[in-house]
Structure formats: C-alpha cells, structure tokens
Amino acid sequence: MKVFLFIFIIAHLSFSFSQNDVILFDEFNNNSNAWQEGKTGLANVDVSDARGLYIIDYKLKYDAWTAWKDLEINEKKDFEIEAKFYKDKGVKNYGYGILWGGTDDNYYSCMITGNGFVCVGKVANGIWEDITPDGWIKTPAVNEGNNKYNSITVRKLGDIYEFDVNSNKVVRIKCGPFFGNKIGFNVNNKQRILVDWIRVKYLN
C-alpha cells in the first residue's frame, strides 16, 4: 500500500508540473482568451463556440490577415508553440500558420502552403523577409490540398528554433529577439483556415 501511495504521489506531482508548464491551451470552445473577432469586407474572423474552432476567412487577393492576442512568453526560456489547422478552402500556393513575438507591424511566422511548402520568416515594419536560407521549402510533411489537417510546431531550444509540420522536423535555424508579446495566426491570400487548437508551454 505504501509503495502504491508513493507512486501515486510521484505521478500526481509530475502531472502537476507538466500542467504548470502550459501557459496557454485553447480549444476555442469560447472566447475567454479574447482572440480578435470581427467581420469586414476583407475577412470574417470568429471563435465558433458550437464547433470549437477559430475561423479565419480571408477574402483579399495578394495580401495577408493576422489574428492574435497578447501573451507574455519569457523568451529566455525554452518553449513550444503548437497549433492544429484545417484548410477549408482557398488558394494552395500562399501560406498560413503561426506567428509569435509580435507587435502590430513586426512578428515572426512559420507558414505552410496547400501545395506542400514551408517557410519561416519575419515581418519588420510591415515588410516580409524570409529567414529560412532557401525561402519556401518543399516538404512531404505537409498534407496537401484543401479539406486537410496540418499541425505546426515552433520550438525554441537555447538560441536555436526547430519547426515541425505534423511532427516531422522541417527547419532548424536561429531567430532574433521578440518584437513584442502578440501570438496568433496569419493567413495569406484568399483562404479559409480553421484553427482547431493552440498550446503554448515552457520546456524548462
């Protein structure tokens, strides 16, 4: 009995520590985390309580839409940001994905496309710049086309960032310091992207 109790306590403490490492987990069953919402001629952005989705329906050609919230992440620590997306419809040669460390006109982003490319970059003063040395990289890790799920993971380990698509490592590079505390999603060109969930956690 004492051995069983000891094991139970250790397991409970381990679970508590792992839970405490998570600083954001949202399945979008409501908008208690105050994500951006609204409808304009350019985009419809909505937390769908009934479906448990964050819907970003962007309608403009050759441009981008960002949807985010403020979340303070200690960038001196190792951390991981992961989100699961469903590409409902739209163009296949423009990106969508996760953004972090941002302000209104400055942020980092890891994006994938419906035709199987991935790119890590940053927006500085409203201008996009590739960080991946070869720009957009073709990878079999992406589930291509519309009506497909894809997960993207951003993982900081020391001064190196790793990027996974569907649990497959696709990029390993250095990124610069944060611009700010905004975290969220960006959608380029005419696409309707549904975010199933997002999780942010410390790794140490």
Foldseek 3Di string as FASTA:
>chain_A
DVVVVVVVVVVVVVVVVQVVQWPDKAQLLDVPVPKDADDDPAWGWDRDNVVSKTKIFGAAAFFKDWIKDFDDDDPQFKKKKKWKKAWADDDFPDWKFKWFLDDPQWIWTWIAGQAAWIFTWMGDRNDIDTPPPVGIHGDPLDPHDHRDMKMWMWIDDRQKIWIDINNHTDDIGGDDHGPHGIIGMMDHGGTMMIIRMMIMGTPD
